[in-house]
Protein backbone atom coordinates (compact mmCIF):
# COMPACT_ATOMS: atom_id res chain seq x y z
CA MET A 1 15.53 0.25 32.47
CA GLY A 2 15.30 -2.22 29.61
CA ARG A 3 12.92 -2.78 26.74
CA ALA A 4 9.76 -1.81 28.65
CA PHE A 5 11.16 1.66 29.25
CA GLU A 6 12.22 2.01 25.62
CA PHE A 7 8.73 0.95 24.49
CA ARG A 8 7.04 3.52 26.76
CA LYS A 9 9.48 6.20 25.59
CA ALA A 10 8.78 5.41 21.94
CA ARG A 11 5.01 5.57 22.51
CA LYS A 12 5.35 8.91 24.33
CA MET A 13 7.51 10.38 21.56
CA LYS A 14 4.94 9.22 19.00
CA ARG A 15 2.16 10.97 20.94
CA TRP A 16 4.19 14.18 21.21
CA SER A 17 4.97 14.06 17.50
CA LYS A 18 1.29 13.60 16.69
CA MET A 19 0.35 16.52 18.96
CA ALA A 20 2.92 18.78 17.30
CA LYS A 21 1.56 17.81 13.88
CA THR A 22 -2.00 18.53 15.03
CA PHE A 23 -1.00 21.99 16.27
CA THR A 24 0.75 22.70 12.94
CA ARG A 25 -2.37 21.70 11.02
CA ILE A 26 -4.63 23.83 13.20
CA GLY A 27 -2.22 26.76 12.86
CA LYS A 28 -2.60 26.58 9.08
CA ASP A 29 -6.37 26.30 9.42
CA ILE A 30 -6.33 29.50 11.51
CA VAL A 31 -4.29 31.36 8.89
CA MET A 32 -6.65 30.32 6.09
CA ALA A 33 -9.75 31.15 8.17
CA VAL A 34 -8.46 34.63 9.10
CA LYS A 35 -7.33 35.41 5.54
CA ASP A 36 -10.73 34.29 4.30
CA GLY A 37 -13.03 35.97 6.82
CA GLY A 38 -11.13 38.18 9.25
CA SER A 39 -9.83 37.79 12.80
CA ASP A 40 -13.12 38.24 14.68
CA PRO A 41 -14.59 34.80 15.50
CA ASP A 42 -18.02 36.36 16.13
CA SER A 43 -18.32 37.19 12.45
CA ASN A 44 -16.16 34.37 11.05
CA SER A 45 -17.81 30.98 11.40
CA ARG A 46 -14.82 29.18 9.90
CA LEU A 47 -12.52 30.68 12.53
CA ARG A 48 -14.97 29.71 15.30
CA GLN A 49 -14.88 26.13 14.03
CA VAL A 50 -11.07 26.02 13.99
CA MET A 51 -10.84 27.55 17.49
CA GLN A 52 -13.21 24.89 18.83
CA ASN A 53 -11.09 22.16 17.26
CA ALA A 54 -7.99 23.75 18.81
CA LYS A 55 -9.66 23.63 22.22
CA THR A 56 -10.57 19.96 21.77
CA ALA A 57 -6.96 19.20 20.76
CA ASN A 58 -5.72 20.93 23.95
CA MET A 59 -3.85 23.53 21.94
CA PRO A 60 -2.85 26.31 24.40
CA LYS A 61 -4.99 29.42 24.13
CA ASP A 62 -1.88 31.60 23.81
CA ASN A 63 -0.83 29.59 20.75
CA VAL A 64 -4.24 30.16 19.17
CA LEU A 65 -4.19 33.91 19.84
CA ARG A 66 -0.64 34.21 18.48
CA ALA A 67 -1.68 32.34 15.33
CA ILE A 68 -4.66 34.68 14.83
CA LYS A 69 -2.47 37.75 15.34
CA LYS A 70 0.14 36.43 12.92
CA ALA A 71 -2.49 35.57 10.32
CA SER A 72 -3.86 39.12 10.55
CA ASP A 73 -0.50 40.52 9.43
CA LYS A 74 -0.61 41.46 5.76
CA ASP A 75 2.92 40.11 5.32
CA THR A 76 1.88 36.62 6.43
CA ALA A 77 1.47 34.45 3.36
CA ASN A 78 -1.71 32.48 2.91
CA TYR A 79 -1.82 28.77 2.18
CA GLU A 80 -3.42 27.24 -0.87
CA GLU A 81 -5.59 24.18 -0.37
CA MET A 82 -5.02 21.34 -2.81
CA SER A 83 -5.85 17.65 -3.02
CA LEU A 84 -3.76 14.81 -4.41
CA GLU A 85 -4.98 11.29 -5.20
CA GLY A 86 -3.35 7.98 -5.87
CA TYR A 87 -3.17 4.26 -5.21
CA ALA A 88 -0.99 2.43 -2.73
CA VAL A 89 -0.04 -1.23 -3.29
CA ASN A 90 -2.88 -3.77 -3.51
CA GLY A 91 -5.20 -1.13 -4.94
CA ILE A 92 -5.73 0.88 -1.75
CA ALA A 93 -7.05 4.34 -2.67
CA ILE A 94 -5.39 7.30 -0.92
CA PHE A 95 -6.76 10.85 -0.85
CA VAL A 96 -4.41 13.58 0.46
CA ASP A 97 -5.68 17.05 1.44
CA CYS A 98 -2.90 19.64 1.66
CA ALA A 99 -2.36 23.30 2.58
CA THR A 100 0.80 24.68 1.03
CA ASN A 101 2.68 27.79 0.01
CA ASN A 102 4.59 25.86 -2.66
CA ASN A 103 2.56 23.59 -4.90
CA ASN A 104 5.54 22.18 -6.77
CA ARG A 105 7.27 21.12 -3.55
CA THR A 106 4.15 19.47 -2.17
CA VAL A 107 3.38 17.53 -5.35
CA ALA A 108 7.02 16.39 -5.64
CA ASP A 109 7.12 15.24 -2.01
CA VAL A 110 3.83 13.34 -2.20
CA ARG A 111 4.75 11.72 -5.51
CA SER A 112 8.08 10.55 -4.02
CA TYR A 113 6.28 8.97 -1.04
CA PHE A 114 3.97 7.00 -3.34
CA SER A 115 6.95 5.83 -5.41
CA LYS A 116 8.98 4.75 -2.37
CA CYS A 117 6.07 2.62 -1.18
CA GLU A 118 5.32 1.02 -4.56
CA GLY A 119 2.27 3.15 -5.18
CA ALA A 120 1.45 5.74 -7.82
CA LEU A 121 0.08 9.28 -7.73
CA GLY A 122 -2.95 9.68 -9.99
CA THR A 123 -4.73 12.55 -11.68
CA ASN A 124 -7.11 14.91 -9.90
CA GLY A 125 -10.62 13.49 -9.83
CA SER A 126 -9.54 9.91 -10.38
CA LEU A 127 -10.84 8.82 -6.95
CA GLU A 128 -13.99 10.92 -6.80
CA PHE A 129 -16.10 7.80 -7.38
CA ILE A 130 -14.58 6.11 -4.30
CA PHE A 131 -14.87 8.92 -1.72
CA ASN A 132 -17.76 11.17 -0.69
CA ARG A 133 -16.88 14.49 0.92
CA LYS A 134 -18.91 15.01 4.08
CA GLY A 135 -19.16 17.47 6.94
CA VAL A 136 -18.72 15.62 10.24
CA PHE A 137 -19.66 17.13 13.61
CA THR A 138 -18.99 15.51 16.99
CA LEU A 139 -21.15 16.58 19.95
CA SER A 140 -21.41 15.54 23.56
CA SER A 141 -24.58 13.57 24.29
CA GLU A 142 -24.99 15.59 27.50
CA ASN A 143 -25.38 18.86 25.56
CA ILE A 144 -28.64 17.94 23.84
CA ASN A 145 -31.52 19.68 25.63
CA MET A 146 -34.34 18.02 23.68
CA SER A 147 -35.40 14.57 22.57
CA ILE A 148 -33.28 12.96 19.89
CA ASP A 149 -36.31 12.87 17.55
CA ASP A 150 -36.86 16.61 17.96
CA PHE A 151 -33.14 17.25 17.59
CA GLU A 152 -33.04 15.27 14.38
CA MET A 153 -36.01 17.18 12.99
CA GLU A 154 -34.29 20.49 13.81
CA LEU A 155 -31.21 19.47 11.83
CA ILE A 156 -32.93 18.15 8.70
CA ASP A 157 -33.38 21.63 7.23
CA ALA A 158 -29.66 22.28 7.80
CA GLY A 159 -28.73 19.30 5.66
CA LEU A 160 -28.60 16.39 8.08
CA GLU A 161 -27.91 13.10 6.27
CA GLU A 162 -27.08 10.75 9.13
CA LEU A 163 -26.95 10.86 12.92
CA GLU A 164 -24.98 8.31 14.97
CA ILE A 165 -25.42 8.00 18.73
CA ASP A 166 -23.34 6.16 21.31
CA SER A 167 -22.94 6.44 25.07
CA GLU A 168 -20.45 9.32 24.91
CA ALA A 169 -21.01 11.27 21.71
CA ILE A 170 -23.31 12.13 18.84
CA THR A 171 -21.89 12.28 15.34
CA ILE A 172 -23.63 14.25 12.61
CA TYR A 173 -23.00 13.83 8.88
CA CYS A 174 -24.02 16.27 6.16
CA ASP A 175 -22.96 17.02 2.60
CA PHE A 176 -19.87 19.26 2.47
CA ILE A 177 -21.85 22.09 0.85
CA ASP A 178 -24.09 22.15 3.98
CA PHE A 179 -21.16 22.32 6.40
CA ASN A 180 -21.55 26.03 7.23
CA ASN A 181 -25.35 25.79 7.50
CA MET A 182 -25.03 22.90 9.95
CA GLN A 183 -22.49 24.75 12.08
CA ILE A 184 -24.72 27.83 12.29
CA LYS A 185 -27.77 25.68 13.12
CA LEU A 186 -25.96 23.94 15.99
CA GLU A 187 -24.79 27.31 17.30
CA ASP A 188 -28.35 28.67 17.13
CA LEU A 189 -29.49 25.66 19.18
CA LYS A 190 -26.68 26.43 21.65
CA ILE A 191 -25.18 22.98 21.14
CA GLU A 192 -21.47 22.85 21.92
CA ILE A 193 -19.48 21.37 19.05
CA ILE A 194 -16.60 19.20 20.25
CA ASN A 195 -15.06 18.83 16.81
CA SER A 196 -16.04 19.56 13.23
CA GLU A 197 -14.27 18.88 9.96
CA LEU A 198 -14.65 17.90 6.36
CA GLN A 199 -13.85 14.25 5.73
CA ARG A 200 -13.61 12.08 2.65
CA ILE A 201 -15.51 8.90 3.45
CA PRO A 202 -15.03 5.86 1.18
CA ASN A 203 -18.07 4.18 -0.34
CA ASN A 204 -16.55 0.80 0.50
CA TYR A 205 -13.45 -0.60 2.15
CA LYS A 206 -10.88 -3.00 0.76
CA LYS A 207 -9.67 -5.88 2.91
CA ILE A 208 -5.98 -6.83 2.79
CA THR A 209 -3.66 -8.84 5.02
CA VAL A 210 -1.28 -7.42 7.63
CA GLU A 211 1.66 -8.31 5.38
CA GLN A 212 0.06 -6.53 2.43
CA SER A 213 -0.65 -3.49 4.61
CA LYS A 214 3.00 -2.81 5.50
CA ASN A 215 3.78 -0.56 2.53
CA VAL A 216 0.38 1.11 2.86
CA LEU A 217 1.07 1.95 6.52
CA LYS A 218 4.55 3.19 5.60
CA LEU A 219 3.03 5.48 2.97
CA LEU A 220 0.42 6.80 5.42
CA ASP A 221 3.15 7.57 7.97
CA LEU A 222 5.25 9.45 5.39
CA LEU A 223 2.27 11.49 4.26
CA GLU A 224 1.09 12.35 7.77
CA GLU A 225 4.58 13.48 8.79
CA ASN A 226 4.73 16.03 5.98
CA ASP A 227 3.92 19.57 7.15
CA ASP A 228 2.06 20.38 3.92
CA VAL A 229 -0.38 17.51 4.47
CA GLN A 230 -3.50 18.34 6.46
CA GLN A 231 -5.46 15.08 6.26
CA VAL A 232 -5.07 11.65 4.68
CA PHE A 233 -7.97 9.36 3.80
CA HIS A 234 -7.92 5.78 2.53
CA ASN A 235 -10.24 2.85 1.89
CA MET A 236 -8.19 0.14 3.61
CA GLU A 237 -10.27 -1.93 6.02
CA LEU A 238 -8.71 -1.53 9.46
CA SER A 239 -8.82 -5.01 10.92
CA GLU A 240 -7.77 -5.59 14.53
CA GLU A 241 -4.45 -7.03 13.32
CA ILE A 242 -3.71 -3.98 11.17
CA MET A 243 -4.67 -1.67 14.02
CA MET A 244 -2.14 -3.43 16.23
CA ALA A 245 0.50 -3.04 13.51
CA MET A 246 -0.24 0.70 13.36
CA ASP A 247 0.39 1.05 17.10
CA ASN A 248 3.77 -0.71 16.96
């Protein structure tokens, strides 16, 4: 079967691994949402948001219902959200959002990843000036039942900061403190939300070479493979060459 088969197999295994990681992350989001606001999505906007993201990620409905049932059990431990910050080589800033039941383990693991890749874990708040925390909503363009101008006006009171439109989707940005208000506003307008999440968006991006990016990419892989890590953000400019290196 040769190298072509091995390449296809490797790509498929990478996709499966990514899907499993996504389901793990959503499972933790469900636990935290249920512990925070109960198991009824009609009265728990955070749980509604997570369930929509699960649907978009093609997470089986049975898996979602099992996760909700498990989270409702008093004996099921909750996860604590925490953020860790540091620099990879060549001054690339890395922001790591985690959900963990063991802070010491998570900090030790993340610190070891930075060290292995010639980076350094910093103190909390050290990267706040580089990243802005935003609520990001993705919608289908086909779901908007009014003019874009009217739609934009409707969302301003809910905290709209920026609206991006392309042929397939509309992306909405708001401050993270307006995240819940924006979700409720979109639901009131009966606009289906494809995906919604809090992201840390860098104020600017740093350009490095493919060779310089190798340890950064290695660090990102190690972080994203860790079950305690929910999301990883960085300010490395993703050139076409670096994107190709990420796929290999």
